[in-house]
Amino acid sequence: MLRAFALCALLVLPSLAGCHCGAPKTDEQRLKERIDTTSVHLYVALKIALSKSGASPEVMATRAKLLALISASAALYVHATGAGAPPTPTPTPTTVPPTPTPTTVPPTPAPPTRDDAASALRTAADLTRDVATIAVALYQLRAEGAAIVRGEREDELPPVLPGLFAAGDASPELIARLDANGEHAVLLFAFFVLKTHPKSPVPIPDELVLYEASRTDAATLRFVGLRPIARAVKAWIFGNASLCDLAAGEAAGIPASGDAAWRAALRDDLRVLGAPDAPDDAELTKVHAAARGLAHGEAAVCYLDRDEPAKADAELEALADAAEEAGLPREDVAPIRAYLAWRHDDLPAAKRHLLLARTSPRLDARDRAAIDELLTYLDARDPRFGAHFDRVYFTVFAARIFLDALERAHLVDQLSGTPLYRQTRAFVTSAGRVLGASQQALPTADSLEKGAGTLFERLHHKKTERRPR
């Protein structure tokens, strides 16, 4: 499943790059401009509507409609996948009632089950008529949302996700880690998955992903084991937005190796998140290396697009090292090392790497023919050799390592069945629907499709070309 996920992630994730007109700006300045949009203002307004205390009757009515929409989205997800449905209780020969478990989570209705599917479908159909109404209502809170975005004061709002859990779904440990920063990270992961997934139920505005990335501070996450993965996802998002220095900064912040302390921290995070089993040490070490590879790879692609080859070379060196640490055989990493040797005018070394790449048992006849063509270009000092290694090649390479590592460790499969994933997914899909409706309901809203399709268009006409792996 993740193999298809990886390919679709690359074919549908739009380039977030903007105009580089006028005086040069720092990445931080350009990021602030990129997220100061109506769609982000309304997104934060949605959070205000769900969490603001002492709200007006109008806001409370909007909150009720939002909660109903989120509940229906969660029920439909359970119906479609079976994920997160409570198990059938096993009768026990006792008349003693169970002792209630103390919890800091306010009691809310029980989570939806597959038995609620028909009702959920009817409810979702009814709520479709409310989506535009919600969008218009949120527009009344847009000024508050804009003030928070521009003043970076969202941490004044209480986290939204804890209020979406049913009683008993979230442990006190989970609630404690879901502070404002932890919630930003969880929402960033959810947006990343839905943004790149081939069967995403709603389009996710690019600005929302950038916004959550900008608000996630990986260095201070209470989910300590998830810090390297958060940095990798942030690097991916920033790199695709042509914020190369920010991407490289996140990549540099990932430790060189996943040591025993990190593995213990990740296992603890997975336990708190509700994952049933933790991967072994070897798989966790590969996940850490693969996260580094994704981060450095996307930073490299960004610098190539920005025509800063020296910086790109340093990131590609780090990508190649991380790929081998993640378990990729040397012969499968050899094409990248051949490219780097060619970049440094070491043609004999480039040839050695290509000949090693040709021995990979994972290549078919067409792959080997492509390598033979590269060898011909190399012998002739043909510039087509370098052109062969474009952004698509490096992007696919880095993403494949990361997604393969997650698949081998079964991390996505385990987490997708947890109440946290179910409710987070319901929240972000509901937000996507409301913001999508705002395009039609609010003519003054910024276009949520700005830049859409640019990366897809670049990839689409190349996707039938074969390249060495």
Protein backbone atom coordinates (compact mmCIF):
# COMPACT_ATOMS: atom_id res chain seq x y z
CA MET A 1 0.00 0.00 0.00
CA LEU A 2 2.74 2.45 0.94
CA ARG A 3 4.55 1.82 -2.36
CA ALA A 4 1.50 3.19 -4.21
CA PHE A 5 1.25 5.88 -1.55
CA ALA A 6 4.82 6.96 -2.32
CA LEU A 7 4.27 7.20 -6.06
CA CYS A 8 1.02 9.12 -5.71
CA ALA A 9 2.60 11.39 -3.13
CA LEU A 10 5.08 12.45 -5.76
CA LEU A 11 2.58 12.78 -8.56
CA VAL A 12 -0.05 14.81 -6.77
CA LEU A 13 1.82 16.89 -4.19
CA PRO A 14 1.82 20.36 -5.74
CA SER A 15 4.87 22.53 -5.76
CA LEU A 16 4.42 25.22 -3.15
CA ALA A 17 7.03 27.47 -4.71
CA GLY A 18 6.11 31.10 -5.16
CA CYS A 19 7.48 34.10 -6.97
CA HIS A 20 10.99 35.20 -6.10
CA CYS A 21 10.35 38.71 -7.43
CA GLY A 22 11.82 41.85 -5.89
CA ALA A 23 14.47 42.12 -3.21
CA PRO A 24 15.69 38.85 -1.75
CA LYS A 25 13.81 37.73 1.36
CA THR A 26 14.75 35.23 3.98
CA ASP A 27 12.92 31.92 4.11
CA GLU A 28 11.37 33.00 7.41
CA GLN A 29 9.93 36.15 5.78
CA ARG A 30 8.59 34.24 2.81
CA LEU A 31 7.03 31.63 5.08
CA LYS A 32 5.18 34.30 7.06
CA GLU A 33 3.82 35.75 3.83
CA ARG A 34 2.83 32.34 2.51
CA ILE A 35 0.66 31.50 5.50
CA ASP A 36 -0.93 34.95 5.89
CA THR A 37 -3.91 33.99 3.73
CA THR A 38 -7.67 33.84 4.08
CA SER A 39 -7.64 30.04 4.10
CA VAL A 40 -5.29 29.95 7.11
CA HIS A 41 -7.23 32.72 8.87
CA LEU A 42 -10.42 30.67 8.47
CA TYR A 43 -8.64 27.51 9.60
CA VAL A 44 -7.57 29.19 12.82
CA ALA A 45 -11.09 30.63 13.12
CA LEU A 46 -12.35 27.04 13.01
CA LYS A 47 -10.10 26.21 15.96
CA ILE A 48 -11.40 29.29 17.78
CA ALA A 49 -14.99 28.17 17.21
CA LEU A 50 -14.22 24.76 18.70
CA SER A 51 -12.27 25.95 21.73
CA LYS A 52 -13.18 29.53 22.64
CA SER A 53 -14.73 29.93 26.07
CA GLY A 54 -17.51 32.42 26.67
CA ALA A 55 -18.47 32.30 22.99
CA SER A 56 -21.59 33.95 21.60
CA PRO A 57 -24.72 31.92 20.79
CA GLU A 58 -23.81 32.15 17.11
CA VAL A 59 -20.34 30.68 17.74
CA MET A 60 -21.83 27.96 19.93
CA ALA A 61 -24.25 27.04 17.14
CA THR A 62 -21.35 26.84 14.70
CA ARG A 63 -19.43 24.71 17.20
CA ALA A 64 -22.32 22.25 17.41
CA LYS A 65 -22.43 21.92 13.61
CA LEU A 66 -18.66 21.45 13.44
CA LEU A 67 -18.71 18.74 16.10
CA ALA A 68 -21.51 16.96 14.27
CA LEU A 69 -19.54 17.11 11.01
CA ILE A 70 -16.38 15.78 12.70
CA SER A 71 -18.35 12.98 14.38
CA ALA A 72 -19.90 11.94 11.06
CA SER A 73 -16.47 11.98 9.37
CA ALA A 74 -15.08 9.71 12.09
CA ALA A 75 -18.02 7.31 11.73
CA LEU A 76 -17.60 7.12 7.97
CA TYR A 77 -13.88 6.37 8.37
CA VAL A 78 -14.67 3.50 10.74
CA HIS A 79 -17.32 2.22 8.35
CA ALA A 80 -14.94 2.33 5.39
CA THR A 81 -11.92 0.79 7.09
CA GLY A 82 -13.00 -0.85 10.33
CA ALA A 83 -10.13 1.06 11.97
CA GLY A 84 -10.72 2.23 15.47
CA ALA A 85 -13.96 0.32 15.97
CA PRO A 86 -14.25 -0.87 19.57
CA PRO A 87 -13.87 -4.65 19.91
CA THR A 88 -16.88 -6.79 20.78
CA PRO A 89 -16.84 -7.19 24.57
CA THR A 90 -16.28 -10.68 25.96
CA PRO A 91 -18.86 -11.70 28.62
CA THR A 92 -17.35 -12.38 32.04
CA PRO A 93 -18.97 -14.44 34.85
CA THR A 94 -19.23 -11.57 37.31
CA THR A 95 -21.86 -9.17 38.53
CA VAL A 96 -19.38 -6.71 39.96
CA PRO A 97 -19.43 -3.52 37.90
CA PRO A 98 -16.06 -2.30 36.67
CA THR A 99 -14.39 0.46 38.62
CA PRO A 100 -14.54 3.74 36.70
CA THR A 101 -11.18 4.94 35.44
CA PRO A 102 -10.35 8.53 36.42
CA THR A 103 -9.74 10.74 33.43
CA THR A 104 -9.04 14.40 32.78
CA VAL A 105 -10.98 14.29 29.52
CA PRO A 106 -14.51 15.74 29.65
CA PRO A 107 -17.08 13.03 28.91
CA THR A 108 -18.35 13.08 25.33
CA PRO A 109 -20.52 10.70 23.31
CA ALA A 110 -19.15 7.22 22.65
CA PRO A 111 -16.99 6.84 19.53
CA PRO A 112 -18.75 5.75 16.34
CA THR A 113 -18.73 2.09 15.37
CA ARG A 114 -19.43 0.30 12.14
CA ASP A 115 -22.98 -0.28 13.40
CA ASP A 116 -23.49 3.46 13.12
CA ALA A 117 -22.57 3.47 9.41
CA ALA A 118 -26.06 3.92 7.96
CA SER A 119 -26.83 6.69 10.43
CA ALA A 120 -23.47 8.30 9.72
CA LEU A 121 -24.12 8.29 5.99
CA ARG A 122 -27.50 9.99 6.51
CA THR A 123 -25.96 12.46 8.95
CA ALA A 124 -23.13 13.28 6.54
CA ALA A 125 -25.61 13.92 3.76
CA ASP A 126 -27.60 16.26 6.04
CA LEU A 127 -24.43 18.03 7.18
CA THR A 128 -23.32 18.68 3.61
CA ARG A 129 -25.94 21.40 3.53
CA ASP A 130 -24.41 22.93 6.66
CA VAL A 131 -20.85 23.14 5.39
CA ALA A 132 -21.34 26.40 3.50
CA THR A 133 -23.22 27.82 6.48
CA ILE A 134 -20.28 26.93 8.72
CA ALA A 135 -17.87 28.58 6.29
CA VAL A 136 -19.85 31.82 6.33
CA ALA A 137 -20.08 31.73 10.13
CA LEU A 138 -16.34 31.23 10.44
CA TYR A 139 -15.80 34.27 8.28
CA GLN A 140 -17.15 36.31 11.20
CA LEU A 141 -14.17 35.04 13.24
CA ARG A 142 -11.68 35.60 10.43
CA ALA A 143 -10.25 38.79 11.99
CA GLU A 144 -9.46 36.90 15.20
CA GLY A 145 -7.84 34.15 13.16
CA ALA A 146 -5.74 36.67 11.21
CA ALA A 147 -4.59 38.34 14.42
CA ILE A 148 -3.44 35.02 15.83
CA VAL A 149 -1.62 34.05 12.61
CA ARG A 150 0.14 37.40 12.33
CA GLY A 151 0.92 37.63 16.02
CA GLU A 152 1.84 33.94 16.36
CA ARG A 153 -0.41 33.76 19.41
CA GLU A 154 -2.23 30.50 18.73
CA ASP A 155 -0.76 28.96 21.86
CA GLU A 156 -3.23 31.13 23.75
CA LEU A 157 -5.94 28.80 22.44
CA PRO A 158 -6.46 25.48 24.21
CA PRO A 159 -5.72 22.42 22.04
CA VAL A 160 -8.71 21.25 20.02
CA LEU A 161 -8.07 17.50 19.73
CA PRO A 162 -8.51 16.54 23.43
CA GLY A 163 -12.08 17.80 23.28
CA LEU A 164 -12.86 15.42 20.41
CA PHE A 165 -12.04 12.22 22.30
CA ALA A 166 -14.71 10.02 23.79
CA ALA A 167 -14.38 9.16 27.47
CA GLY A 168 -11.70 6.55 27.90
CA ASP A 169 -10.22 7.07 24.42
CA ALA A 170 -7.30 9.20 25.62
CA SER A 171 -5.10 8.49 28.60
CA PRO A 172 -3.91 11.32 30.87
CA GLU A 173 -0.43 10.71 29.41
CA LEU A 174 -1.68 11.36 25.89
CA ILE A 175 -3.55 14.49 26.91
CA ALA A 176 -0.43 15.78 28.69
CA ARG A 177 1.67 15.40 25.55
CA LEU A 178 -0.99 17.03 23.37
CA ASP A 179 -0.06 20.55 24.36
CA ALA A 180 -0.24 23.24 21.66
CA ASN A 181 3.07 22.14 20.13
CA GLY A 182 2.15 18.46 20.24
CA GLU A 183 -1.17 19.16 18.57
CA HIS A 184 0.54 21.13 15.80
CA ALA A 185 2.81 18.13 15.18
CA VAL A 186 -0.07 15.64 15.12
CA LEU A 187 -2.04 17.85 12.73
CA LEU A 188 1.07 18.27 10.56
CA PHE A 189 1.41 14.48 10.27
CA ALA A 190 -2.28 14.14 9.43
CA PHE A 191 -2.17 16.87 6.79
CA PHE A 192 0.97 15.35 5.29
CA VAL A 193 -0.69 11.93 5.00
CA LEU A 194 -3.93 13.28 3.54
CA LYS A 195 -2.12 15.74 1.28
CA THR A 196 -0.09 13.00 -0.35
CA HIS A 197 -2.43 10.01 -0.11
CA PRO A 198 -3.92 8.82 -3.43
CA LYS A 199 -7.38 8.43 -1.87
CA SER A 200 -7.51 11.59 0.19
CA PRO A 201 -11.19 12.44 0.75
CA VAL A 202 -10.70 16.20 0.40
CA PRO A 203 -8.15 18.57 -1.15
CA ILE A 204 -5.85 20.05 1.48
CA PRO A 205 -4.80 23.67 0.87
CA ASP A 206 -1.04 24.02 0.68
CA GLU A 207 -1.09 26.92 3.11
CA LEU A 208 -2.56 24.80 5.90
CA VAL A 209 0.27 22.29 5.69
CA LEU A 210 2.81 25.11 5.73
CA TYR A 211 1.03 26.71 8.67
CA GLU A 212 1.18 23.60 10.84
CA ALA A 213 4.81 23.06 9.83
CA SER A 214 5.64 26.63 10.84
CA ARG A 215 4.03 26.15 14.26
CA THR A 216 5.60 22.76 15.04
CA ASP A 217 8.78 23.02 17.09
CA ALA A 218 10.31 19.57 16.77
CA ALA A 219 13.06 20.33 19.29
CA THR A 220 10.61 20.73 22.17
CA LEU A 221 7.99 18.09 21.34
CA ARG A 222 6.84 16.13 24.38
CA PHE A 223 6.66 13.19 21.95
CA VAL A 224 10.44 12.93 22.16
CA GLY A 225 10.74 9.88 19.91
CA LEU A 226 8.78 11.59 17.13
CA ARG A 227 11.12 14.57 16.96
CA PRO A 228 13.29 13.25 14.07
CA ILE A 229 10.18 12.25 12.08
CA ALA A 230 8.62 15.67 12.68
CA ARG A 231 11.81 17.30 11.40
CA ALA A 232 11.76 15.08 8.31
CA VAL A 233 8.16 15.96 7.48
CA LYS A 234 8.88 19.65 8.05
CA ALA A 235 11.91 19.45 5.75
CA TRP A 236 9.75 17.79 3.09
CA ILE A 237 7.10 20.50 3.35
CA PHE A 238 9.59 23.38 3.40
CA GLY A 239 11.61 21.92 0.53
CA ASN A 240 8.52 21.65 -1.64
CA ALA A 241 7.77 25.28 -0.79
CA SER A 242 11.23 26.36 -2.02
CA LEU A 243 12.17 27.28 1.54
CA CYS A 244 15.49 25.52 1.18
CA ASP A 245 17.32 26.96 4.17
CA LEU A 246 14.46 26.02 6.48
CA ALA A 247 14.42 22.51 5.00
CA ALA A 248 18.17 22.14 5.43
CA GLY A 249 17.93 23.43 9.00
CA GLU A 250 15.41 20.73 9.89
CA ALA A 251 17.57 18.08 8.22
CA ALA A 252 20.64 19.23 10.15
CA GLY A 253 18.68 18.99 13.38
CA ILE A 254 18.15 15.23 13.05
CA PRO A 255 20.82 13.37 15.06
CA ALA A 256 23.30 11.28 13.11
CA SER A 257 21.93 8.01 14.48
CA GLY A 258 18.96 6.62 16.36
CA ASP A 259 20.55 5.50 19.61
CA ALA A 260 19.09 3.39 22.41
CA ALA A 261 17.67 6.42 24.21
CA TRP A 262 15.81 7.54 21.08
CA ARG A 263 14.46 4.04 20.42
CA ALA A 264 13.17 3.84 23.99
CA ALA A 265 11.54 7.26 23.62
CA LEU A 266 9.83 6.27 20.36
CA ARG A 267 8.54 3.05 21.89
CA ASP A 268 7.11 5.07 24.76
CA ASP A 269 5.47 7.49 22.32
CA LEU A 270 3.92 4.61 20.40
CA ARG A 271 2.57 3.15 23.63
CA VAL A 272 1.00 6.46 24.61
CA LEU A 273 -0.43 6.92 21.11
CA GLY A 274 -2.08 3.50 21.34
CA ALA A 275 0.00 1.46 18.88
CA PRO A 276 -0.28 -2.23 19.88
CA ASP A 277 3.28 -3.33 19.05
CA ALA A 278 6.64 -1.62 18.77
CA PRO A 279 9.14 -2.55 16.03
CA ASP A 280 12.46 -4.13 16.92
CA ASP A 281 15.69 -2.18 17.27
CA ALA A 282 16.87 -2.84 13.72
CA GLU A 283 13.68 -1.52 12.12
CA LEU A 284 13.57 1.54 14.37
CA THR A 285 17.18 2.37 13.49
CA LYS A 286 16.26 2.19 9.80
CA VAL A 287 13.26 4.46 10.33
CA HIS A 288 15.55 7.05 11.92
CA ALA A 289 18.03 6.85 9.02
CA ALA A 290 15.21 7.00 6.48
CA ALA A 291 13.81 10.14 8.12
CA ARG A 292 17.25 11.74 7.75
CA GLY A 293 17.34 10.64 4.14
CA LEU A 294 13.95 12.20 3.39
CA ALA A 295 14.96 15.48 4.98
CA HIS A 296 18.34 15.76 3.27
CA GLY A 297 16.93 14.57 -0.04
CA GLU A 298 14.20 17.21 -0.16
CA ALA A 299 16.65 19.92 0.89
CA ALA A 300 18.93 18.80 -1.96
CA VAL A 301 16.12 18.96 -4.51
CA CYS A 302 15.18 22.41 -3.26
CA TYR A 303 18.74 23.71 -3.67
CA LEU A 304 18.95 22.18 -7.15
CA ASP A 305 15.82 24.07 -8.12
CA ARG A 306 17.30 27.22 -6.63
CA ASP A 307 20.51 26.67 -8.62
CA GLU A 308 22.74 26.31 -5.57
CA PRO A 309 24.61 23.15 -6.58
CA ALA A 310 27.25 23.21 -3.84
CA LYS A 311 24.60 23.16 -1.12
CA ALA A 312 22.70 20.49 -3.04
CA ASP A 313 25.82 18.31 -3.24
CA ALA A 314 26.27 18.38 0.56
CA GLU A 315 22.64 17.35 1.07
CA LEU A 316 22.94 14.56 -1.52
CA GLU A 317 26.01 13.18 0.23
CA ALA A 318 23.98 13.03 3.44
CA LEU A 319 21.09 11.38 1.55
CA ALA A 320 23.36 8.66 0.16
CA ASP A 321 24.83 7.92 3.61
CA ALA A 322 21.39 7.82 5.22
CA ALA A 323 20.06 5.52 2.48
CA GLU A 324 22.73 2.91 3.19
CA GLU A 325 22.10 3.19 6.94
CA ALA A 326 18.40 2.65 6.24
CA GLY A 327 19.23 -0.70 4.68
CA LEU A 328 19.44 0.10 0.99
CA PRO A 329 22.16 -1.97 -0.71
CA ARG A 330 25.25 -0.11 -1.91
CA GLU A 331 24.47 -0.90 -5.52
CA ASP A 332 21.10 0.84 -5.21
CA VAL A 333 22.71 3.96 -3.77
CA ALA A 334 25.51 3.91 -6.35
CA PRO A 335 23.72 6.07 -8.98
CA ILE A 336 23.63 9.01 -6.55
CA ARG A 337 27.31 8.56 -5.75
CA ALA A 338 27.99 8.40 -9.51
CA TYR A 339 26.21 11.74 -9.96
CA LEU A 340 28.24 13.31 -7.14
CA ALA A 341 31.49 12.00 -8.60
CA TRP A 342 30.52 13.45 -11.98
CA ARG A 343 29.73 16.77 -10.30
CA HIS A 344 33.29 16.81 -8.90
CA ASP A 345 34.75 15.84 -12.28
CA ASP A 346 35.89 12.42 -11.02
CA LEU A 347 34.79 10.45 -14.08
CA PRO A 348 36.59 7.19 -13.17
CA ALA A 349 34.78 7.10 -9.82
CA ALA A 350 31.47 7.89 -11.51
CA LYS A 351 32.01 4.95 -13.86
CA ARG A 352 32.82 2.59 -10.98
CA HIS A 353 29.63 3.56 -9.22
CA LEU A 354 27.54 3.03 -12.35
CA LEU A 355 29.05 -0.39 -12.96
CA LEU A 356 28.24 -1.28 -9.36
CA ALA A 357 24.67 -0.01 -9.85
CA ARG A 358 24.32 -2.26 -12.88
CA THR A 359 24.81 -5.35 -10.67
CA SER A 360 21.68 -4.73 -8.61
CA PRO A 361 19.34 -7.75 -8.75
CA ARG A 362 16.39 -5.37 -8.51
CA LEU A 363 16.97 -3.94 -12.00
CA ASP A 364 15.18 -5.18 -15.09
CA ALA A 365 16.45 -5.04 -18.67
CA ARG A 366 15.21 -1.50 -19.24
CA ASP A 367 16.90 -0.26 -16.07
CA ARG A 368 20.21 -1.76 -17.16
CA ALA A 369 19.78 -0.21 -20.61
CA ALA A 370 19.31 3.17 -18.93
CA ILE A 371 22.56 2.69 -17.01
CA ASP A 372 24.34 1.70 -20.21
CA GLU A 373 23.09 4.94 -21.73
CA LEU A 374 24.50 6.86 -18.78
CA LEU A 375 27.84 5.13 -19.24
CA THR A 376 27.83 6.26 -22.87
CA TYR A 377 27.09 9.84 -21.82
CA LEU A 378 29.86 9.64 -19.23
CA ASP A 379 32.49 8.43 -21.69
CA ALA A 380 31.53 11.22 -24.10
CA ARG A 381 31.38 13.85 -21.33
CA ASP A 382 27.86 14.49 -22.56
CA PRO A 383 25.94 17.00 -20.36
CA ARG A 384 22.89 14.78 -20.68
CA PHE A 385 24.49 12.67 -17.94
CA GLY A 386 23.84 15.36 -15.35
CA ALA A 387 20.44 16.24 -16.77
CA HIS A 388 19.35 12.65 -16.24
CA PHE A 389 19.45 13.18 -12.44
CA ASP A 390 16.67 15.73 -12.03
CA ARG A 391 14.40 16.63 -9.11
CA VAL A 392 12.04 13.77 -9.91
CA TYR A 393 14.80 11.20 -9.58
CA PHE A 394 16.03 12.45 -6.21
CA THR A 395 12.53 13.10 -4.86
CA VAL A 396 11.36 9.56 -5.65
CA PHE A 397 14.57 8.09 -4.23
CA ALA A 398 14.30 9.91 -0.88
CA ALA A 399 10.57 9.30 -0.46
CA ARG A 400 10.85 5.62 -1.31
CA ILE A 401 13.43 5.06 1.44
CA PHE A 402 11.25 6.77 4.05
CA LEU A 403 7.99 5.11 3.11
CA ASP A 404 9.57 1.67 2.77
CA ALA A 405 11.01 2.02 6.28
CA LEU A 406 7.61 2.98 7.70
CA GLU A 407 6.02 0.03 5.90
CA ARG A 408 8.55 -2.48 7.21
CA ALA A 409 8.06 -1.17 10.74
CA HIS A 410 4.21 -1.27 10.32
CA LEU A 411 4.01 2.15 11.95
CA VAL A 412 1.30 3.59 9.71
CA ASP A 413 -0.86 0.47 9.93
CA GLN A 414 -0.64 0.45 13.72
CA LEU A 415 -1.31 4.13 14.25
CA SER A 416 -4.18 4.28 11.75
CA GLY A 417 -6.32 2.18 14.09
CA THR A 418 -5.94 4.44 17.13
CA PRO A 419 -8.59 6.87 18.42
CA LEU A 420 -6.11 9.73 18.01
CA TYR A 421 -5.70 9.05 14.30
CA ARG A 422 -9.44 8.59 13.81
CA GLN A 423 -10.34 11.89 15.47
CA THR A 424 -7.44 13.82 13.94
CA ARG A 425 -8.33 12.57 10.49
CA ALA A 426 -11.97 13.50 11.05
CA PHE A 427 -10.92 17.00 12.15
CA VAL A 428 -8.65 17.70 9.18
CA THR A 429 -11.07 16.28 6.60
CA SER A 430 -13.88 18.36 8.08
CA ALA A 431 -11.64 21.44 8.00
CA GLY A 432 -10.82 20.69 4.36
CA ARG A 433 -14.49 20.46 3.46
CA VAL A 434 -15.36 23.70 5.20
CA LEU A 435 -12.47 25.58 3.63
CA GLY A 436 -13.34 24.11 0.24
CA ALA A 437 -16.89 25.39 0.66
CA SER A 438 -15.52 28.82 1.55
CA GLN A 439 -14.19 29.12 -2.00
CA GLN A 440 -17.70 29.12 -3.37
CA ALA A 441 -19.44 30.82 -0.45
CA LEU A 442 -16.90 33.60 0.07
CA PRO A 443 -15.73 35.33 -3.10
CA THR A 444 -13.08 37.27 -1.18
CA ALA A 445 -11.30 34.11 0.00
CA ASP A 446 -7.84 33.44 -1.39
CA SER A 447 -7.61 30.73 -4.01
CA LEU A 448 -6.85 27.41 -2.34
CA GLU A 449 -5.49 26.08 -5.59
CA LYS A 450 -2.64 28.59 -5.94
CA GLY A 451 0.25 26.73 -7.50
CA ALA A 452 -1.76 23.51 -7.80
CA GLY A 453 -0.64 21.10 -10.45
CA THR A 454 2.75 22.62 -11.12
CA LEU A 455 4.71 19.70 -9.75
CA PHE A 456 2.18 17.26 -11.19
CA GLU A 457 2.61 18.80 -14.62
CA ARG A 458 6.39 18.51 -14.37
CA LEU A 459 6.12 14.91 -13.25
CA HIS A 460 3.35 13.81 -15.58
CA HIS A 461 5.29 14.19 -18.81
CA LYS A 462 8.25 12.39 -17.25
CA LYS A 463 6.53 9.54 -15.50
CA THR A 464 6.98 7.10 -18.38
CA GLU A 465 10.72 7.68 -18.52
CA ARG A 466 12.86 5.01 -16.90
CA ARG A 467 15.67 5.92 -14.57
CA PRO A 468 18.18 3.75 -12.70
CA ARG A 469 17.10 3.06 -9.16
